[in-house]
Amino acid sequence: MVGSSIAVLYLERGAGGDIGSGPAALWWSFFTVMTGQQTDPFPVTPEGRAIGFGLMTVGAALVGTLTATLVSWVIRPRENAKDRQLSAIRQELAEIRALLDVR
């Protein structure tokens, strides 16, 4: 985000866009990553818009990755319990088969 902010500030300052200061560029990059949209201030140069597109893509991937990690963290204990239950059932079945084979 910081690198994108610096790049957009460099590109937009000379083009007369709304992003004319460091805080505005940082706010723009943060807002673009977090929401996936470009609102005021927004880049006016094609290069600045391309950087914005990249930030939106990174933001979507970041949100997806964080969500998947959180869900995995919540579900993992349940999966471990199910694995233990399945293992116990398999062991009981093996014991039953052994008893049936003896008779």
PDB file of N, CA and C in Angstrom:
ATOM      1  N   MET A   1       0.820  -1.193   0.000  1.00  0.00           N
ATOM      2  CA  MET A   1       0.000   0.000   0.000  1.00  0.00           C
ATOM      3  C   MET A   1       0.862   1.255   0.000  1.00  0.00           C
ATOM      4  N   VAL A   2       1.922   1.224   0.765  1.00  0.00           N
ATOM      5  CA  VAL A   2       2.787   2.405   0.834  1.00  0.00           C
ATOM      6  C   VAL A   2       3.451   2.649  -0.515  1.00  0.00           C
ATOM      7  N   GLY A   3       3.944   1.576  -1.136  1.00  0.00           N
ATOM      8  CA  GLY A   3       4.566   1.725  -2.459  1.00  0.00           C
ATOM      9  C   GLY A   3       3.583   2.237  -3.487  1.00  0.00           C
ATOM     10  N   SER A   4       2.360   1.723  -3.445  1.00  0.00           N
ATOM     11  CA  SER A   4       1.329   2.200  -4.368  1.00  0.00           C
ATOM     12  C   SER A   4       0.981   3.649  -4.093  1.00  0.00           C
ATOM     13  N   SER A   5       0.955   4.018  -2.837  1.00  0.00           N
ATOM     14  CA  SER A   5       0.670   5.412  -2.484  1.00  0.00           C
ATOM     15  C   SER A   5       1.728   6.348  -3.055  1.00  0.00           C
ATOM     16  N   ILE A   6       2.986   5.946  -2.911  1.00  0.00           N
ATOM     17  CA  ILE A   6       4.078   6.783  -3.428  1.00  0.00           C
ATOM     18  C   ILE A   6       4.011   6.874  -4.946  1.00  0.00           C
ATOM     19  N   ALA A   7       3.760   5.739  -5.603  1.00  0.00           N
ATOM     20  CA  ALA A   7       3.680   5.737  -7.069  1.00  0.00           C
ATOM     21  C   ALA A   7       2.529   6.596  -7.565  1.00  0.00           C
ATOM     22  N   VAL A   8       1.380   6.456  -6.948  1.00  0.00           N
ATOM     23  CA  VAL A   8       0.214   7.246  -7.374  1.00  0.00           C
ATOM     24  C   VAL A   8       0.434   8.718  -7.085  1.00  0.00           C
ATOM     25  N   LEU A   9       1.029   9.035  -5.961  1.00  0.00           N
ATOM     26  CA  LEU A   9       1.322  10.431  -5.648  1.00  0.00           C
ATOM     27  C   LEU A   9       2.252  11.019  -6.695  1.00  0.00           C
ATOM     28  N   TYR A  10       3.266  10.278  -7.070  1.00  0.00           N
ATOM     29  CA  TYR A  10       4.207  10.739  -8.090  1.00  0.00           C
ATOM     30  C   TYR A  10       3.495  10.944  -9.428  1.00  0.00           C
ATOM     31  N   LEU A  11       2.643  10.010  -9.807  1.00  0.00           N
ATOM     32  CA  LEU A  11       1.943  10.091 -11.102  1.00  0.00           C
ATOM     33  C   LEU A  11       0.860  11.159 -11.106  1.00  0.00           C
ATOM     34  N   GLU A  12       0.118  11.266 -10.033  1.00  0.00           N
ATOM     35  CA  GLU A  12      -1.052  12.137 -10.011  1.00  0.00           C
ATOM     36  C   GLU A  12      -0.732  13.589  -9.701  1.00  0.00           C
ATOM     37  N   ARG A  13       0.336  13.831  -8.982  1.00  0.00           N
ATOM     38  CA  ARG A  13       0.670  15.206  -8.617  1.00  0.00           C
ATOM     39  C   ARG A  13       0.891  16.052  -9.864  1.00  0.00           C
ATOM     40  N   GLY A  14       1.563  15.507 -10.865  1.00  0.00           N
ATOM     41  CA  GLY A  14       1.822  16.244 -12.093  1.00  0.00           C
ATOM     42  C   GLY A  14       0.627  16.311 -13.025  1.00  0.00           C
ATOM     43  N   ALA A  15      -0.361  15.422 -12.838  1.00  0.00           N
ATOM     44  CA  ALA A  15      -1.519  15.372 -13.736  1.00  0.00           C
ATOM     45  C   ALA A  15      -2.660  16.252 -13.270  1.00  0.00           C
ATOM     46  N   GLY A  16      -2.531  16.841 -12.112  1.00  0.00           N
ATOM     47  CA  GLY A  16      -3.583  17.728 -11.613  1.00  0.00           C
ATOM     48  C   GLY A  16      -4.762  16.986 -11.022  1.00  0.00           C
ATOM     49  N   GLY A  17      -4.560  15.755 -10.554  1.00  0.00           N
ATOM     50  CA  GLY A  17      -5.644  14.986  -9.941  1.00  0.00           C
ATOM     51  C   GLY A  17      -5.890  15.394  -8.508  1.00  0.00           C
ATOM     52  N   ASP A  18      -6.831  14.711  -7.900  1.00  0.00           N
ATOM     53  CA  ASP A  18      -7.202  15.002  -6.514  1.00  0.00           C
ATOM     54  C   ASP A  18      -6.176  14.490  -5.508  1.00  0.00           C
ATOM     55  N   ILE A  19      -5.332  13.562  -5.913  1.00  0.00           N
ATOM     56  CA  ILE A  19      -4.356  12.987  -4.995  1.00  0.00           C
ATOM     57  C   ILE A  19      -3.097  13.833  -5.080  1.00  0.00           C
ATOM     58  N   GLY A  20      -3.003  14.807  -4.189  1.00  0.00           N
ATOM     59  CA  GLY A  20      -1.892  15.744  -4.256  1.00  0.00           C
ATOM     60  C   GLY A  20      -1.005  15.776  -3.028  1.00  0.00           C
ATOM     61  N   SER A  21      -1.313  14.913  -2.043  1.00  0.00           N
ATOM     62  CA  SER A  21      -0.494  14.893  -0.832  1.00  0.00           C
ATOM     63  C   SER A  21      -0.288  13.450  -0.389  1.00  0.00           C
ATOM     64  N   GLY A  22       0.710  13.260   0.446  1.00  0.00           N
ATOM     65  CA  GLY A  22       1.005  11.926   0.959  1.00  0.00           C
ATOM     66  C   GLY A  22      -0.155  11.308   1.721  1.00  0.00           C
ATOM     67  N   PRO A  23      -0.767  12.040   2.667  1.00  0.00           N
ATOM     68  CA  PRO A  23      -1.909  11.469   3.387  1.00  0.00           C
ATOM     69  C   PRO A  23      -3.079  11.109   2.463  1.00  0.00           C
ATOM     70  N   ALA A  24      -3.326  11.943   1.457  1.00  0.00           N
ATOM     71  CA  ALA A  24      -4.411  11.636   0.519  1.00  0.00           C
ATOM     72  C   ALA A  24      -4.097  10.378  -0.276  1.00  0.00           C
ATOM     73  N   ALA A  25      -2.838  10.206  -0.680  1.00  0.00           N
ATOM     74  CA  ALA A  25      -2.445   9.014  -1.432  1.00  0.00           C
ATOM     75  C   ALA A  25      -2.542   7.768  -0.556  1.00  0.00           C
ATOM     76  N   LEU A  26      -2.118   7.884   0.695  1.00  0.00           N
ATOM     77  CA  LEU A  26      -2.196   6.744   1.604  1.00  0.00           C
ATOM     78  C   LEU A  26      -3.650   6.381   1.891  1.00  0.00           C
ATOM     79  N   TRP A  27      -4.482   7.393   2.105  1.00  0.00           N
ATOM     80  CA  TRP A  27      -5.911   7.145   2.328  1.00  0.00           C
ATOM     81  C   TRP A  27      -6.517   6.467   1.110  1.00  0.00           C
ATOM     82  N   TRP A  28      -6.187   6.948  -0.075  1.00  0.00           N
ATOM     83  CA  TRP A  28      -6.724   6.367  -1.302  1.00  0.00           C
ATOM     84  C   TRP A  28      -6.328   4.898  -1.412  1.00  0.00           C
ATOM     85  N   SER A  29      -5.063   4.566  -1.175  1.00  0.00           N
ATOM     86  CA  SER A  29      -4.625   3.176  -1.324  1.00  0.00           C
ATOM     87  C   SER A  29      -5.276   2.285  -0.260  1.00  0.00           C
ATOM     88  N   PHE A  30      -5.368   2.751   0.970  1.00  0.00           N
ATOM     89  CA  PHE A  30      -6.007   1.979   2.031  1.00  0.00           C
ATOM     90  C   PHE A  30      -7.472   1.725   1.697  1.00  0.00           C
ATOM     91  N   PHE A  31      -8.179   2.762   1.303  1.00  0.00           N
ATOM     92  CA  PHE A  31      -9.602   2.647   0.990  1.00  0.00           C
ATOM     93  C   PHE A  31      -9.813   1.734  -0.210  1.00  0.00           C
ATOM     94  N   THR A  32      -8.941   1.812  -1.206  1.00  0.00           N
ATOM     95  CA  THR A  32      -9.060   0.978  -2.395  1.00  0.00           C
ATOM     96  C   THR A  32      -8.843  -0.490  -2.059  1.00  0.00           C
ATOM     97  N   VAL A  33      -7.847  -0.797  -1.221  1.00  0.00           N
ATOM     98  CA  VAL A  33      -7.594  -2.187  -0.830  1.00  0.00           C
ATOM     99  C   VAL A  33      -8.752  -2.725   0.003  1.00  0.00           C
ATOM    100  N   MET A  34      -9.233  -1.943   0.940  1.00  0.00           N
ATOM    101  CA  MET A  34     -10.246  -2.434   1.864  1.00  0.00           C
ATOM    102  C   MET A  34     -11.637  -2.555   1.245  1.00  0.00           C
ATOM    103  N   THR A  35     -11.981  -1.686   0.325  1.00  0.00           N
ATOM    104  CA  THR A  35     -13.342  -1.702  -0.214  1.00  0.00           C
ATOM    105  C   THR A  35     -13.432  -2.221  -1.637  1.00  0.00           C
ATOM    106  N   GLY A  36     -12.344  -2.202  -2.373  1.00  0.00           N
ATOM    107  CA  GLY A  36     -12.388  -2.651  -3.762  1.00  0.00           C
ATOM    108  C   GLY A  36     -13.045  -1.655  -4.694  1.00  0.00           C
ATOM    109  N   GLN A  37     -13.074  -0.417  -4.309  1.00  0.00           N
ATOM    110  CA  GLN A  37     -13.642   0.619  -5.184  1.00  0.00           C
ATOM    111  C   GLN A  37     -12.828   1.902  -5.057  1.00  0.00           C
ATOM    112  N   GLN A  38     -12.929   2.712  -6.074  1.00  0.00           N
ATOM    113  CA  GLN A  38     -12.201   3.976  -6.072  1.00  0.00           C
ATOM    114  C   GLN A  38     -13.204   5.118  -5.999  1.00  0.00           C
ATOM    115  N   THR A  39     -13.121   5.880  -4.931  1.00  0.00           N
ATOM    116  CA  THR A  39     -13.974   7.058  -4.787  1.00  0.00           C
ATOM    117  C   THR A  39     -13.065   8.259  -4.602  1.00  0.00           C
ATOM    118  N   ASP A  40     -13.627   9.378  -4.231  1.00  0.00           N
ATOM    119  CA  ASP A  40     -12.827  10.583  -4.057  1.00  0.00           C
ATOM    120  C   ASP A  40     -11.834  10.405  -2.942  1.00  0.00           C
ATOM    121  N   PRO A  41     -10.606  10.749  -3.094  1.00  0.00           N
ATOM    122  CA  PRO A  41      -9.954  11.125  -4.346  1.00  0.00           C
ATOM    123  C   PRO A  41      -9.682   9.891  -5.193  1.00  0.00           C
ATOM    124  N   PHE A  42      -9.627  10.082  -6.495  1.00  0.00           N
ATOM    125  CA  PHE A  42      -9.366   8.961  -7.387  1.00  0.00           C
ATOM    126  C   PHE A  42      -8.330   9.384  -8.423  1.00  0.00           C
ATOM    127  N   PRO A  43      -7.583   8.431  -8.951  1.00  0.00           N
ATOM    128  CA  PRO A  43      -6.541   8.761  -9.927  1.00  0.00           C
ATOM    129  C   PRO A  43      -7.145   9.137 -11.285  1.00  0.00           C
ATOM    130  N   VAL A  44      -6.482  10.060 -11.961  1.00  0.00           N
ATOM    131  CA  VAL A  44      -6.955  10.495 -13.277  1.00  0.00           C
ATOM    132  C   VAL A  44      -6.072   9.978 -14.407  1.00  0.00           C
ATOM    133  N   THR A  45      -4.891   9.515 -14.100  1.00  0.00           N
ATOM    134  CA  THR A  45      -3.998   9.006 -15.143  1.00  0.00           C
ATOM    135  C   THR A  45      -4.252   7.517 -15.355  1.00  0.00           C
ATOM    136  N   PRO A  46      -4.006   7.015 -16.564  1.00  0.00           N
ATOM    137  CA  PRO A  46      -4.176   5.577 -16.811  1.00  0.00           C
ATOM    138  C   PRO A  46      -3.275   4.721 -15.924  1.00  0.00           C
ATOM    139  N   GLU A  47      -2.059   5.212 -15.678  1.00  0.00           N
ATOM    140  CA  GLU A  47      -1.149   4.460 -14.817  1.00  0.00           C
ATOM    141  C   GLU A  47      -1.669   4.384 -13.394  1.00  0.00           C
ATOM    142  N   GLY A  48      -2.196   5.507 -12.903  1.00  0.00           N
ATOM    143  CA  GLY A  48      -2.770   5.549 -11.561  1.00  0.00           C
ATOM    144  C   GLY A  48      -3.969   4.626 -11.440  1.00  0.00           C
ATOM    145  N   ARG A  49      -4.787   4.583 -12.479  1.00  0.00           N
ATOM    146  CA  ARG A  49      -5.939   3.678 -12.462  1.00  0.00           C
ATOM    147  C   ARG A  49      -5.496   2.223 -12.512  1.00  0.00           C
ATOM    148  N   ALA A  50      -4.418   1.950 -13.233  1.00  0.00           N
ATOM    149  CA  ALA A  50      -3.885   0.583 -13.286  1.00  0.00           C
ATOM    150  C   ALA A  50      -3.383   0.164 -11.900  1.00  0.00           C
ATOM    151  N   ILE A  51      -2.740   1.073 -11.205  1.00  0.00           N
ATOM    152  CA  ILE A  51      -2.300   0.778  -9.844  1.00  0.00           C
ATOM    153  C   ILE A  51      -3.514   0.520  -8.958  1.00  0.00           C
ATOM    154  N   GLY A  52      -4.561   1.302  -9.149  1.00  0.00           N
ATOM    155  CA  GLY A  52      -5.797   1.092  -8.393  1.00  0.00           C
ATOM    156  C   GLY A  52      -6.408  -0.274  -8.670  1.00  0.00           C
ATOM    157  N   PHE A  53      -6.377  -0.697  -9.922  1.00  0.00           N
ATOM    158  CA  PHE A  53      -6.884  -2.020 -10.268  1.00  0.00           C
ATOM    159  C   PHE A  53      -6.072  -3.102  -9.563  1.00  0.00           C
ATOM    160  N   GLY A  54      -4.761  -2.928  -9.559  1.00  0.00           N
ATOM    161  CA  GLY A  54      -3.903  -3.881  -8.853  1.00  0.00           C
ATOM    162  C   GLY A  54      -4.202  -3.924  -7.365  1.00  0.00           C
ATOM    163  N   LEU A  55      -4.420  -2.756  -6.775  1.00  0.00           N
ATOM    164  CA  LEU A  55      -4.752  -2.711  -5.348  1.00  0.00           C
ATOM    165  C   LEU A  55      -6.085  -3.392  -5.061  1.00  0.00           C
ATOM    166  N   MET A  56      -7.053  -3.221  -5.947  1.00  0.00           N
ATOM    167  CA  MET A  56      -8.346  -3.889  -5.761  1.00  0.00           C
ATOM    168  C   MET A  56      -8.187  -5.397  -5.815  1.00  0.00           C
ATOM    169  N   THR A  57      -7.363  -5.866  -6.748  1.00  0.00           N
ATOM    170  CA  THR A  57      -7.120  -7.304  -6.879  1.00  0.00           C
ATOM    171  C   THR A  57      -6.433  -7.848  -5.637  1.00  0.00           C
ATOM    172  N   VAL A  58      -5.419  -7.133  -5.162  1.00  0.00           N
ATOM    173  CA  VAL A  58      -4.713  -7.555  -3.951  1.00  0.00           C
ATOM    174  C   VAL A  58      -5.661  -7.532  -2.754  1.00  0.00           C
ATOM    175  N   GLY A  59      -6.497  -6.525  -2.672  1.00  0.00           N
ATOM    176  CA  GLY A  59      -7.450  -6.434  -1.566  1.00  0.00           C
ATOM    177  C   GLY A  59      -8.429  -7.594  -1.558  1.00  0.00           C
ATOM    178  N   ALA A  60      -8.957  -7.951  -2.731  1.00  0.00           N
ATOM    179  CA  ALA A  60      -9.889  -9.082  -2.814  1.00  0.00           C
ATOM    180  C   ALA A  60      -9.199 -10.378  -2.414  1.00  0.00           C
ATOM    181  N   ALA A  61      -7.969 -10.560  -2.877  1.00  0.00           N
ATOM    182  CA  ALA A  61      -7.221 -11.768  -2.518  1.00  0.00           C
ATOM    183  C   ALA A  61      -6.920 -11.793  -1.024  1.00  0.00           C
ATOM    184  N   LEU A  62      -6.582 -10.645  -0.463  1.00  0.00           N
ATOM    185  CA  LEU A  62      -6.275 -10.561   0.961  1.00  0.00           C
ATOM    186  C   LEU A  62      -7.496 -10.886   1.807  1.00  0.00           C
ATOM    187  N   VAL A  63      -8.635 -10.319   1.465  1.00  0.00           N
ATOM    188  CA  VAL A  63      -9.859 -10.581   2.220  1.00  0.00           C
ATOM    189  C   VAL A  63     -10.235 -12.055   2.102  1.00  0.00           C
ATOM    190  N   GLY A  64     -10.121 -12.618   0.909  1.00  0.00           N
ATOM    191  CA  GLY A  64     -10.431 -14.034   0.725  1.00  0.00           C
ATOM    192  C   GLY A  64      -9.510 -14.936   1.515  1.00  0.00           C
ATOM    193  N   THR A  65      -8.237 -14.616   1.509  1.00  0.00           N
ATOM    194  CA  THR A  65      -7.266 -15.418   2.249  1.00  0.00           C
ATOM    195  C   THR A  65      -7.498 -15.328   3.755  1.00  0.00           C
ATOM    196  N   LEU A  66      -7.748 -14.139   4.247  1.00  0.00           N
ATOM    197  CA  LEU A  66      -8.006 -13.974   5.678  1.00  0.00           C
ATOM    198  C   LEU A  66      -9.284 -14.693   6.104  1.00  0.00           C
ATOM    199  N   THR A  67     -10.315 -14.618   5.274  1.00  0.00           N
ATOM    200  CA  THR A  67     -11.572 -15.303   5.576  1.00  0.00           C
ATOM    201  C   THR A  67     -11.373 -16.810   5.601  1.00  0.00           C
ATOM    202  N   ALA A  68     -10.676 -17.331   4.596  1.00  0.00           N
ATOM    203  CA  ALA A  68     -10.425 -18.777   4.540  1.00  0.00           C
ATOM    204  C   ALA A  68      -9.591 -19.239   5.729  1.00  0.00           C
ATOM    205  N   THR A  69      -8.619 -18.457   6.133  1.00  0.00           N
ATOM    206  CA  THR A  69      -7.795 -18.809   7.288  1.00  0.00           C
ATOM    207  C   THR A  69      -8.624 -18.842   8.559  1.00  0.00           C
ATOM    208  N   LEU A  70      -9.483 -17.854   8.731  1.00  0.00           N
ATOM    209  CA  LEU A  70     -10.337 -17.803   9.922  1.00  0.00           C
ATOM    210  C   LEU A  70     -11.291 -18.990   9.957  1.00  0.00           C
ATOM    211  N   VAL A  71     -11.920 -19.295   8.845  1.00  0.00           N
ATOM    212  CA  VAL A  71     -12.845 -20.425   8.790  1.00  0.00           C
ATOM    213  C   VAL A  71     -12.103 -21.730   9.065  1.00  0.00           C
ATOM    214  N   SER A  72     -10.929 -21.880   8.494  1.00  0.00           N
ATOM    215  CA  SER A  72     -10.117 -23.072   8.731  1.00  0.00           C
ATOM    216  C   SER A  72      -9.764 -23.207  10.206  1.00  0.00           C
ATOM    217  N   TRP A  73      -9.433 -22.118  10.826  1.00  0.00           N
ATOM    218  CA  TRP A  73      -9.071 -22.117  12.239  1.00  0.00           C
ATOM    219  C   TRP A  73     -10.262 -22.519  13.107  1.00  0.00           C
ATOM    220  N   VAL A  74     -11.472 -22.106  12.723  1.00  0.00           N
ATOM    221  CA  VAL A  74     -12.668 -22.430  13.496  1.00  0.00           C
ATOM    222  C   VAL A  74     -13.086 -23.883  13.270  1.00  0.00           C
ATOM    223  N   ILE A  75     -12.972 -24.380  12.057  1.00  0.00           N
ATOM    224  CA  ILE A  75     -13.458 -25.713  11.711  1.00  0.00           C
ATOM    225  C   ILE A  75     -12.482 -26.816  12.113  1.00  0.00           C
ATOM    226  N   ARG A  76     -11.218 -26.534  12.171  1.00  0.00           N
ATOM    227  CA  ARG A  76     -10.196 -27.560  12.426  1.00  0.00           C
ATOM    228  C   ARG A  76     -10.461 -28.400  13.679  1.00  0.00           C
ATOM    229  N   PRO A  77     -10.823 -27.851  14.837  1.00  0.00           N
ATOM    230  CA  PRO A  77     -11.079 -28.707  16.008  1.00  0.00           C
ATOM    231  C   PRO A  77     -12.217 -29.702  15.767  1.00  0.00           C
ATOM    232  N   ARG A  78     -13.239 -29.295  15.030  1.00  0.00           N
ATOM    233  CA  ARG A  78     -14.351 -30.199  14.732  1.00  0.00           C
ATOM    234  C   ARG A  78     -13.882 -31.344  13.843  1.00  0.00           C
ATOM    235  N   GLU A  79     -13.038 -31.026  12.858  1.00  0.00           N
ATOM    236  CA  GLU A  79     -12.523 -32.062  11.971  1.00  0.00           C
ATOM    237  C   GLU A  79     -11.657 -33.052  12.747  1.00  0.00           C
ATOM    238  N   ASN A  80     -10.859 -32.564  13.680  1.00  0.00           N
ATOM    239  CA  ASN A  80     -10.024 -33.449  14.489  1.00  0.00           C
ATOM    240  C   ASN A  80     -10.882 -34.389  15.327  1.00  0.00           C
ATOM    241  N   ALA A  81     -11.969 -33.882  15.906  1.00  0.00           N
ATOM    242  CA  ALA A  81     -12.868 -34.715  16.698  1.00  0.00           C
ATOM    243  C   ALA A  81     -13.523 -35.779  15.818  1.00  0.00           C
ATOM    244  N   LYS A  82     -13.931 -35.407  14.611  1.00  0.00           N
ATOM    245  CA  LYS A  82     -14.536 -36.371  13.688  1.00  0.00           C
ATOM    246  C   LYS A  82     -13.520 -37.432  13.286  1.00  0.00           C
ATOM    247  N   ASP A  83     -12.278 -37.036  13.073  1.00  0.00           N
ATOM    248  CA  ASP A  83     -11.231 -37.999  12.722  1.00  0.00           C
ATOM    249  C   ASP A  83     -11.010 -39.000  13.853  1.00  0.00           C
ATOM    250  N   ARG A  84     -11.036 -38.526  15.087  1.00  0.00           N
ATOM    251  CA  ARG A  84     -10.870 -39.429  16.233  1.00  0.00           C
ATOM    252  C   ARG A  84     -12.042 -40.397  16.328  1.00  0.00           C
ATOM    253  N   GLN A  85     -13.259 -39.896  16.110  1.00  0.00           N
ATOM    254  CA  GLN A  85     -14.436 -40.761  16.148  1.00  0.00           C
ATOM    255  C   GLN A  85     -14.376 -41.813  15.043  1.00  0.00           C
ATOM    256  N   LEU A  86     -14.000 -41.408  13.861  1.00  0.00           N
ATOM    257  CA  LEU A  86     -13.898 -42.342  12.746  1.00  0.00           C
ATOM    258  C   LEU A  86     -12.844 -43.403  13.016  1.00  0.00           C
ATOM    259  N   SER A  87     -11.743 -43.020  13.597  1.00  0.00           N
ATOM    260  CA  SER A  87     -10.689 -43.968  13.943  1.00  0.00           C
ATOM    261  C   SER A  87     -11.193 -44.975  14.983  1.00  0.00           C
ATOM    262  N   ALA A  88     -11.938 -44.518  15.972  1.00  0.00           N
ATOM    263  CA  ALA A  88     -12.485 -45.404  16.996  1.00  0.00           C
ATOM    264  C   ALA A  88     -13.488 -46.383  16.384  1.00  0.00           C
ATOM    265  N   ILE A  89     -14.311 -45.908  15.462  1.00  0.00           N
ATOM    266  CA  ILE A  89     -15.281 -46.783  14.795  1.00  0.00           C
ATOM    267  C   ILE A  89     -14.566 -47.841  13.969  1.00  0.00           C
ATOM    268  N   ARG A  90     -13.534 -47.451  13.262  1.00  0.00           N
ATOM    269  CA  ARG A  90     -12.767 -48.418  12.468  1.00  0.00           C
ATOM    270  C   ARG A  90     -12.122 -49.478  13.362  1.00  0.00           C
ATOM    271  N   GLN A  91     -11.612 -49.062  14.504  1.00  0.00           N
ATOM    272  CA  GLN A  91     -10.993 -50.004  15.435  1.00  0.00           C
ATOM    273  C   GLN A  91     -12.037 -50.990  15.961  1.00  0.00           C
ATOM    274  N   GLU A  92     -13.228 -50.489  16.307  1.00  0.00           N
ATOM    275  CA  GLU A  92     -14.293 -51.369  16.782  1.00  0.00           C
ATOM    276  C   GLU A  92     -14.708 -52.356  15.702  1.00  0.00           C
ATOM    277  N   LEU A  93     -14.811 -51.892  14.465  1.00  0.00           N
ATOM    278  CA  LEU A  93     -15.167 -52.784  13.358  1.00  0.00           C
ATOM    279  C   LEU A  93     -14.114 -53.869  13.172  1.00  0.00           C
ATOM    280  N   ALA A  94     -12.860 -53.514  13.297  1.00  0.00           N
ATOM    281  CA  ALA A  94     -11.789 -54.500  13.172  1.00  0.00           C
ATOM    282  C   ALA A  94     -11.897 -55.542  14.279  1.00  0.00           C
ATOM    283  N   GLU A  95     -12.228 -55.107  15.492  1.00  0.00           N
ATOM    284  CA  GLU A  95     -12.387 -56.041  16.601  1.00  0.00           C
ATOM    285  C   GLU A  95     -13.583 -56.960  16.378  1.00  0.00           C
ATOM    286  N   ILE A  96     -14.674 -56.422  15.871  1.00  0.00           N
ATOM    287  CA  ILE A  96     -15.863 -57.236  15.579  1.00  0.00           C
ATOM    288  C   ILE A  96     -15.545 -58.263  14.510  1.00  0.00           C
ATOM    289  N   ARG A  97     -14.856 -57.857  13.449  1.00  0.00           N
ATOM    290  CA  ARG A  97     -14.466 -58.792  12.383  1.00  0.00           C
ATOM    291  C   ARG A  97     -13.560 -59.895  12.913  1.00  0.00           C
ATOM    292  N   ALA A  98     -12.654 -59.532  13.799  1.00  0.00           N
ATOM    293  CA  ALA A  98     -11.767 -60.541  14.385  1.00  0.00           C
ATOM    294  C   ALA A  98     -12.563 -61.542  15.209  1.00  0.00           C
ATOM    295  N   LEU A  99     -13.546 -61.083  15.957  1.00  0.00           N
ATOM    296  CA  LEU A  99     -14.385 -61.996  16.748  1.00  0.00           C
ATOM    297  C   LEU A  99     -15.210 -62.892  15.844  1.00  0.00           C
ATOM    298  N   LEU A 100     -15.728 -62.343  14.749  1.00  0.00           N
ATOM    299  CA  LEU A 100     -16.532 -63.139  13.818  1.00  0.00           C
ATOM    300  C   LEU A 100     -15.674 -64.168  13.092  1.00  0.00           C
ATOM    301  N   ASP A 101     -14.440 -63.832  12.783  1.00  0.00           N
ATOM    302  CA  ASP A 101     -13.545 -64.758  12.100  1.00  0.00           C
ATOM    303  C   ASP A 101     -13.159 -65.924  13.000  1.00  0.00           C
ATOM    304  N   VAL A 102     -13.095 -65.698  14.299  1.00  0.00           N
ATOM    305  CA  VAL A 102     -12.728 -66.749  15.259  1.00  0.00           C
ATOM    306  C   VAL A 102     -13.835 -67.793  15.329  1.00  0.00           C
ATOM    307  N   ARG A 103     -15.065 -67.382  15.259  1.00  0.00           N
ATOM    308  CA  ARG A 103     -16.190 -68.317  15.357  1.00  0.00           C
ATOM    309  C   ARG A 103     -16.327 -69.017  14.098  1.00  0.00           C
TER     310      ARG A 103
END
